[in-house]
Amino acid sequence: MSEAVNKNRRQFGVMRFADVMHYRLPLAGYISILHRVSGALMFFLLPFVLYLLDKSLTSEISFEYLKGFTSHWFAKLLILALVWSYLHHFCAGIRHLFMDFHVGVDKDSARKSSVAVFAVSLPLTALVALKLFGAF
């Protein structure tokens, strides 16, 4: 009898990772995750930026060398990733500041502010990418 009761009991201590893939996050959830990712990206690319700044200020020769180094497509992608992370983190940070003052915390306003974060940060990143890769 006790075996039949134990078979039907749910175990709450077991986490099922297969269920995680079926979650449907709202757009505000993706903005929040990307806000954290962009902050981490800026943190991890900070030594790269400080290295470039240090070497560019050493002499004119090192500045010209780094100018050639940053003209490589991979360095431009790193710079573009840093620019995206800064712009997204800045826009999402302003959104979070408004939410700290209890402005736009309802579901509809949160969705609209999430769209606004993407609508501002992505076109600005695209403009910087066009300038960085020499379109104008």
N, C-alpha and C. Protein backbone atom coordinates (compact mmCIF):
# COMPACT_ATOMS: atom_id res chain seq x y z
N MET A 1 0.82 -1.19 0.00
CA MET A 1 0.00 0.00 0.00
C MET A 1 0.86 1.25 0.00
N SER A 2 1.93 1.25 0.78
CA SER A 2 2.77 2.44 0.85
C SER A 2 3.51 2.68 -0.47
N GLU A 3 3.78 1.61 -1.22
CA GLU A 3 4.45 1.79 -2.50
C GLU A 3 3.56 2.50 -3.51
N ALA A 4 2.27 2.25 -3.49
CA ALA A 4 1.35 2.92 -4.40
C ALA A 4 1.23 4.40 -4.08
N VAL A 5 1.28 4.73 -2.83
CA VAL A 5 1.20 6.14 -2.42
C VAL A 5 2.48 6.87 -2.82
N ASN A 6 3.62 6.23 -2.64
CA ASN A 6 4.89 6.87 -2.98
C ASN A 6 5.07 7.06 -4.48
N LYS A 7 4.49 6.20 -5.29
CA LYS A 7 4.63 6.35 -6.74
C LYS A 7 3.88 7.56 -7.26
N ASN A 8 2.79 7.94 -6.62
CA ASN A 8 1.98 9.05 -7.10
C ASN A 8 2.41 10.40 -6.53
N ARG A 9 3.32 10.39 -5.60
CA ARG A 9 3.76 11.65 -5.00
C ARG A 9 4.71 12.38 -5.93
N ARG A 10 4.54 13.69 -6.03
CA ARG A 10 5.46 14.50 -6.84
C ARG A 10 6.69 14.82 -6.03
N GLN A 11 7.80 14.88 -6.69
CA GLN A 11 9.04 15.25 -6.03
C GLN A 11 9.38 16.67 -6.43
N PHE A 12 9.36 17.56 -5.43
CA PHE A 12 9.60 18.97 -5.71
C PHE A 12 11.07 19.32 -5.71
N GLY A 13 11.91 18.46 -5.20
CA GLY A 13 13.34 18.74 -5.16
C GLY A 13 14.03 18.48 -6.49
N VAL A 14 13.37 17.80 -7.41
CA VAL A 14 13.97 17.47 -8.70
C VAL A 14 13.63 18.57 -9.69
N MET A 15 14.66 19.16 -10.29
CA MET A 15 14.43 20.22 -11.27
C MET A 15 14.45 19.62 -12.66
N ARG A 16 13.50 19.99 -13.43
CA ARG A 16 13.41 19.47 -14.79
C ARG A 16 13.82 20.57 -15.77
N PHE A 17 15.00 20.41 -16.36
CA PHE A 17 15.52 21.43 -17.26
C PHE A 17 14.82 21.42 -18.61
N ALA A 18 14.12 20.38 -18.94
CA ALA A 18 13.40 20.33 -20.21
C ALA A 18 12.26 21.34 -20.23
N ASP A 19 11.73 21.66 -19.05
CA ASP A 19 10.64 22.62 -18.97
C ASP A 19 11.11 24.05 -19.22
N VAL A 20 12.39 24.32 -18.99
CA VAL A 20 12.92 25.67 -19.16
C VAL A 20 12.83 26.11 -20.62
N MET A 21 12.97 25.19 -21.54
CA MET A 21 12.92 25.53 -22.96
C MET A 21 11.52 25.90 -23.42
N HIS A 22 10.52 25.58 -22.62
CA HIS A 22 9.14 25.87 -22.99
C HIS A 22 8.62 27.17 -22.39
N TYR A 23 9.44 27.86 -21.61
CA TYR A 23 9.02 29.14 -21.04
C TYR A 23 8.93 30.16 -22.15
N ARG A 24 7.95 31.02 -22.07
CA ARG A 24 7.81 32.12 -23.03
C ARG A 24 7.99 33.43 -22.28
N LEU A 25 9.19 33.96 -22.36
CA LEU A 25 9.48 35.22 -21.68
C LEU A 25 8.83 36.38 -22.43
N PRO A 26 8.37 37.37 -21.71
CA PRO A 26 7.92 38.59 -22.39
C PRO A 26 9.15 39.37 -22.88
N LEU A 27 8.90 40.36 -23.70
CA LEU A 27 9.99 41.16 -24.24
C LEU A 27 10.79 41.85 -23.14
N ALA A 28 10.11 42.23 -22.06
CA ALA A 28 10.81 42.86 -20.94
C ALA A 28 11.81 41.88 -20.29
N GLY A 29 11.50 40.60 -20.31
CA GLY A 29 12.43 39.61 -19.78
C GLY A 29 13.69 39.50 -20.63
N TYR A 30 13.52 39.54 -21.94
CA TYR A 30 14.69 39.52 -22.83
C TYR A 30 15.53 40.78 -22.66
N ILE A 31 14.87 41.93 -22.48
CA ILE A 31 15.62 43.17 -22.26
C ILE A 31 16.43 43.07 -20.97
N SER A 32 15.83 42.50 -19.94
CA SER A 32 16.53 42.35 -18.67
C SER A 32 17.74 41.42 -18.80
N ILE A 33 17.58 40.32 -19.51
CA ILE A 33 18.70 39.40 -19.72
C ILE A 33 19.79 40.07 -20.55
N LEU A 34 19.40 40.77 -21.61
CA LEU A 34 20.40 41.46 -22.44
C LEU A 34 21.07 42.60 -21.69
N HIS A 35 20.37 43.21 -20.73
CA HIS A 35 20.98 44.25 -19.91
C HIS A 35 22.12 43.66 -19.09
N ARG A 36 21.91 42.48 -18.56
CA ARG A 36 22.97 41.81 -17.80
C ARG A 36 24.11 41.36 -18.71
N VAL A 37 23.76 40.84 -19.88
CA VAL A 37 24.79 40.39 -20.82
C VAL A 37 25.64 41.58 -21.29
N SER A 38 24.99 42.71 -21.58
CA SER A 38 25.74 43.87 -22.04
C SER A 38 26.65 44.41 -20.93
N GLY A 39 26.19 44.38 -19.69
CA GLY A 39 27.05 44.79 -18.58
C GLY A 39 28.25 43.88 -18.43
N ALA A 40 28.04 42.58 -18.56
CA ALA A 40 29.15 41.63 -18.47
C ALA A 40 30.12 41.80 -19.64
N LEU A 41 29.58 42.06 -20.83
CA LEU A 41 30.43 42.26 -22.00
C LEU A 41 31.30 43.50 -21.84
N MET A 42 30.71 44.57 -21.33
CA MET A 42 31.52 45.77 -21.09
C MET A 42 32.59 45.51 -20.04
N PHE A 43 32.24 44.75 -19.03
CA PHE A 43 33.21 44.43 -17.98
C PHE A 43 34.38 43.62 -18.54
N PHE A 44 34.08 42.61 -19.35
CA PHE A 44 35.14 41.75 -19.86
C PHE A 44 35.94 42.40 -20.99
N LEU A 45 35.37 43.37 -21.70
CA LEU A 45 36.11 44.07 -22.74
C LEU A 45 36.85 45.30 -22.22
N LEU A 46 36.67 45.62 -20.95
CA LEU A 46 37.36 46.77 -20.38
C LEU A 46 38.88 46.66 -20.46
N PRO A 47 39.50 45.51 -20.19
CA PRO A 47 40.96 45.44 -20.36
C PRO A 47 41.40 45.70 -21.80
N PHE A 48 40.63 45.24 -22.78
CA PHE A 48 40.94 45.50 -24.19
C PHE A 48 40.91 47.00 -24.47
N VAL A 49 39.91 47.68 -23.97
CA VAL A 49 39.78 49.13 -24.19
C VAL A 49 40.90 49.88 -23.49
N LEU A 50 41.21 49.50 -22.27
CA LEU A 50 42.28 50.17 -21.54
C LEU A 50 43.64 49.92 -22.18
N TYR A 51 43.84 48.73 -22.73
CA TYR A 51 45.08 48.43 -23.44
C TYR A 51 45.21 49.32 -24.68
N LEU A 52 44.12 49.42 -25.44
CA LEU A 52 44.16 50.29 -26.63
C LEU A 52 44.42 51.74 -26.25
N LEU A 53 43.79 52.20 -25.19
CA LEU A 53 44.00 53.58 -24.75
C LEU A 53 45.43 53.80 -24.30
N ASP A 54 45.95 52.86 -23.53
CA ASP A 54 47.33 52.99 -23.04
C ASP A 54 48.32 53.02 -24.18
N LYS A 55 48.17 52.11 -25.13
CA LYS A 55 49.12 52.05 -26.25
C LYS A 55 48.96 53.23 -27.20
N SER A 56 47.74 53.73 -27.33
CA SER A 56 47.55 54.85 -28.26
C SER A 56 48.12 56.14 -27.70
N LEU A 57 48.22 56.25 -26.39
CA LEU A 57 48.75 57.47 -25.78
C LEU A 57 50.25 57.42 -25.55
N THR A 58 50.88 56.29 -25.83
CA THR A 58 52.31 56.16 -25.59
C THR A 58 53.14 57.01 -26.56
N SER A 59 52.89 56.86 -27.85
CA SER A 59 53.63 57.63 -28.85
C SER A 59 52.84 57.66 -30.15
N GLU A 60 53.32 58.47 -31.08
CA GLU A 60 52.65 58.55 -32.39
C GLU A 60 52.81 57.25 -33.17
N ILE A 61 53.95 56.60 -33.00
CA ILE A 61 54.20 55.35 -33.71
C ILE A 61 53.23 54.26 -33.23
N SER A 62 53.06 54.17 -31.91
CA SER A 62 52.13 53.16 -31.40
C SER A 62 50.68 53.51 -31.76
N PHE A 63 50.37 54.81 -31.85
CA PHE A 63 49.03 55.21 -32.28
C PHE A 63 48.78 54.75 -33.72
N GLU A 64 49.74 54.96 -34.59
CA GLU A 64 49.59 54.53 -35.98
C GLU A 64 49.51 53.02 -36.09
N TYR A 65 50.27 52.31 -35.24
CA TYR A 65 50.20 50.85 -35.24
C TYR A 65 48.81 50.38 -34.82
N LEU A 66 48.27 50.97 -33.78
CA LEU A 66 46.94 50.58 -33.31
C LEU A 66 45.85 51.02 -34.27
N LYS A 67 46.09 52.08 -34.99
CA LYS A 67 45.14 52.48 -36.02
C LYS A 67 45.06 51.41 -37.10
N GLY A 68 46.19 50.84 -37.46
CA GLY A 68 46.20 49.72 -38.40
C GLY A 68 45.61 48.46 -37.79
N PHE A 69 45.86 48.25 -36.50
CA PHE A 69 45.31 47.07 -35.81
C PHE A 69 43.79 47.13 -35.75
N THR A 70 43.25 48.29 -35.45
CA THR A 70 41.79 48.42 -35.34
C THR A 70 41.11 48.49 -36.71
N SER A 71 41.88 48.55 -37.78
CA SER A 71 41.26 48.52 -39.10
C SER A 71 40.95 47.08 -39.54
N HIS A 72 41.42 46.09 -38.79
CA HIS A 72 41.12 44.70 -39.08
C HIS A 72 39.66 44.41 -38.73
N TRP A 73 39.03 43.52 -39.49
CA TRP A 73 37.59 43.28 -39.32
C TRP A 73 37.25 42.68 -37.95
N PHE A 74 38.13 41.86 -37.39
CA PHE A 74 37.83 41.26 -36.09
C PHE A 74 37.89 42.29 -34.98
N ALA A 75 38.85 43.20 -35.06
CA ALA A 75 38.92 44.28 -34.07
C ALA A 75 37.70 45.20 -34.19
N LYS A 76 37.26 45.42 -35.42
CA LYS A 76 36.06 46.23 -35.61
C LYS A 76 34.82 45.55 -35.02
N LEU A 77 34.75 44.22 -35.13
CA LEU A 77 33.64 43.50 -34.51
C LEU A 77 33.69 43.60 -32.99
N LEU A 78 34.88 43.55 -32.41
CA LEU A 78 35.00 43.73 -30.97
C LEU A 78 34.57 45.13 -30.55
N ILE A 79 34.98 46.11 -31.32
CA ILE A 79 34.58 47.49 -31.03
C ILE A 79 33.08 47.65 -31.19
N LEU A 80 32.52 47.03 -32.22
CA LEU A 80 31.07 47.11 -32.42
C LEU A 80 30.32 46.40 -31.29
N ALA A 81 30.83 45.28 -30.80
CA ALA A 81 30.20 44.61 -29.67
C ALA A 81 30.23 45.49 -28.43
N LEU A 82 31.32 46.19 -28.25
CA LEU A 82 31.43 47.10 -27.11
C LEU A 82 30.46 48.27 -27.26
N VAL A 83 30.33 48.79 -28.47
CA VAL A 83 29.40 49.90 -28.72
C VAL A 83 27.96 49.45 -28.49
N TRP A 84 27.61 48.25 -28.99
CA TRP A 84 26.26 47.74 -28.75
C TRP A 84 25.99 47.56 -27.27
N SER A 85 26.97 46.98 -26.57
CA SER A 85 26.75 46.74 -25.14
C SER A 85 26.58 48.05 -24.39
N TYR A 86 27.36 49.06 -24.75
CA TYR A 86 27.21 50.36 -24.09
C TYR A 86 25.84 50.97 -24.40
N LEU A 87 25.45 51.01 -25.66
CA LEU A 87 24.18 51.64 -26.03
C LEU A 87 22.99 50.90 -25.44
N HIS A 88 23.02 49.58 -25.51
CA HIS A 88 21.92 48.81 -24.94
C HIS A 88 21.87 48.96 -23.42
N HIS A 89 23.02 48.89 -22.78
CA HIS A 89 23.06 49.01 -21.33
C HIS A 89 22.60 50.39 -20.89
N PHE A 90 22.96 51.41 -21.64
CA PHE A 90 22.55 52.77 -21.32
C PHE A 90 21.04 52.93 -21.45
N CYS A 91 20.48 52.47 -22.57
CA CYS A 91 19.03 52.60 -22.80
C CYS A 91 18.23 51.75 -21.81
N ALA A 92 18.66 50.53 -21.57
CA ALA A 92 17.96 49.68 -20.60
C ALA A 92 18.14 50.21 -19.18
N GLY A 93 19.26 50.83 -18.90
CA GLY A 93 19.47 51.43 -17.58
C GLY A 93 18.53 52.59 -17.34
N ILE A 94 18.31 53.41 -18.37
CA ILE A 94 17.33 54.50 -18.23
C ILE A 94 15.94 53.92 -17.99
N ARG A 95 15.61 52.85 -18.70
CA ARG A 95 14.32 52.18 -18.50
C ARG A 95 14.19 51.68 -17.06
N HIS A 96 15.26 51.08 -16.54
CA HIS A 96 15.22 50.58 -15.16
C HIS A 96 15.14 51.72 -14.15
N LEU A 97 15.77 52.85 -14.46
CA LEU A 97 15.66 54.01 -13.56
C LEU A 97 14.22 54.50 -13.48
N PHE A 98 13.53 54.56 -14.62
CA PHE A 98 12.13 54.95 -14.60
C PHE A 98 11.29 53.95 -13.81
N MET A 99 11.61 52.68 -13.96
CA MET A 99 10.86 51.67 -13.22
C MET A 99 11.14 51.75 -11.73
N ASP A 100 12.33 52.21 -11.33
CA ASP A 100 12.62 52.41 -9.92
C ASP A 100 11.75 53.51 -9.32
N PHE A 101 11.36 54.47 -10.14
CA PHE A 101 10.46 55.53 -9.70
C PHE A 101 8.99 55.16 -9.92
N HIS A 102 8.74 53.88 -10.19
CA HIS A 102 7.40 53.33 -10.40
C HIS A 102 6.69 53.96 -11.59
N VAL A 103 7.43 54.27 -12.61
CA VAL A 103 6.87 54.77 -13.87
C VAL A 103 6.96 53.64 -14.88
N GLY A 104 5.84 53.22 -15.41
CA GLY A 104 5.83 52.19 -16.44
C GLY A 104 6.04 50.79 -15.92
N VAL A 105 5.50 50.48 -14.76
CA VAL A 105 5.69 49.15 -14.21
C VAL A 105 4.55 48.19 -14.57
N ASP A 106 3.47 48.72 -15.13
CA ASP A 106 2.40 47.81 -15.55
C ASP A 106 2.82 47.08 -16.83
N LYS A 107 2.09 46.04 -17.16
CA LYS A 107 2.50 45.14 -18.23
C LYS A 107 2.58 45.83 -19.59
N ASP A 108 1.60 46.64 -19.91
CA ASP A 108 1.59 47.30 -21.22
C ASP A 108 2.70 48.33 -21.34
N SER A 109 2.92 49.11 -20.29
CA SER A 109 4.00 50.10 -20.33
C SER A 109 5.37 49.44 -20.36
N ALA A 110 5.52 48.32 -19.66
CA ALA A 110 6.81 47.60 -19.68
C ALA A 110 7.11 47.08 -21.07
N ARG A 111 6.07 46.61 -21.77
CA ARG A 111 6.27 46.12 -23.14
C ARG A 111 6.65 47.28 -24.05
N LYS A 112 5.98 48.41 -23.89
CA LYS A 112 6.29 49.58 -24.74
C LYS A 112 7.69 50.11 -24.47
N SER A 113 8.10 50.14 -23.21
CA SER A 113 9.45 50.62 -22.92
C SER A 113 10.50 49.63 -23.40
N SER A 114 10.17 48.34 -23.41
CA SER A 114 11.09 47.35 -23.96
C SER A 114 11.28 47.54 -25.46
N VAL A 115 10.19 47.81 -26.14
CA VAL A 115 10.28 48.09 -27.58
C VAL A 115 11.08 49.36 -27.81
N ALA A 116 10.91 50.36 -26.93
CA ALA A 116 11.65 51.61 -27.07
C ALA A 116 13.15 51.40 -26.90
N VAL A 117 13.53 50.51 -25.99
CA VAL A 117 14.96 50.22 -25.79
C VAL A 117 15.56 49.65 -27.07
N PHE A 118 14.85 48.69 -27.66
CA PHE A 118 15.34 48.13 -28.93
C PHE A 118 15.29 49.17 -30.05
N ALA A 119 14.24 49.98 -30.08
CA ALA A 119 14.07 50.97 -31.15
C ALA A 119 15.13 52.06 -31.09
N VAL A 120 15.71 52.30 -29.93
CA VAL A 120 16.76 53.32 -29.82
C VAL A 120 18.15 52.70 -29.96
N SER A 121 18.39 51.61 -29.26
CA SER A 121 19.76 51.08 -29.22
C SER A 121 20.18 50.38 -30.51
N LEU A 122 19.28 49.67 -31.15
CA LEU A 122 19.68 48.95 -32.37
C LEU A 122 19.95 49.88 -33.56
N PRO A 123 19.11 50.88 -33.84
CA PRO A 123 19.48 51.79 -34.94
C PRO A 123 20.74 52.60 -34.67
N LEU A 124 20.96 52.99 -33.41
CA LEU A 124 22.20 53.69 -33.10
C LEU A 124 23.42 52.80 -33.30
N THR A 125 23.29 51.54 -32.93
CA THR A 125 24.38 50.58 -33.16
C THR A 125 24.60 50.37 -34.66
N ALA A 126 23.51 50.33 -35.42
CA ALA A 126 23.64 50.18 -36.88
C ALA A 126 24.34 51.39 -37.49
N LEU A 127 24.04 52.58 -36.99
CA LEU A 127 24.72 53.79 -37.49
C LEU A 127 26.21 53.74 -37.19
N VAL A 128 26.55 53.32 -35.98
CA VAL A 128 27.97 53.21 -35.63
C VAL A 128 28.64 52.14 -36.47
N ALA A 129 27.94 51.04 -36.75
CA ALA A 129 28.50 49.97 -37.59
C ALA A 129 28.75 50.47 -39.00
N LEU A 130 27.82 51.24 -39.54
CA LEU A 130 28.02 51.80 -40.87
C LEU A 130 29.22 52.73 -40.92
N LYS A 131 29.36 53.54 -39.88
CA LYS A 131 30.51 54.46 -39.82
C LYS A 131 31.81 53.67 -39.61
N LEU A 132 31.75 52.66 -38.76
CA LEU A 132 32.95 51.88 -38.44
C LEU A 132 33.45 51.10 -39.64
N PHE A 133 32.54 50.56 -40.45
CA PHE A 133 32.94 49.78 -41.61
C PHE A 133 33.04 50.60 -42.89
N GLY A 134 32.96 51.91 -42.77
CA GLY A 134 33.28 52.79 -43.88
C GLY A 134 32.17 53.07 -44.88
N ALA A 135 30.93 52.98 -44.46
CA ALA A 135 29.84 53.27 -45.40
C ALA A 135 29.71 54.77 -45.66
N PHE A 136 30.06 55.57 -44.67
CA PHE A 136 30.06 57.03 -44.86
C PHE A 136 31.13 57.67 -44.04
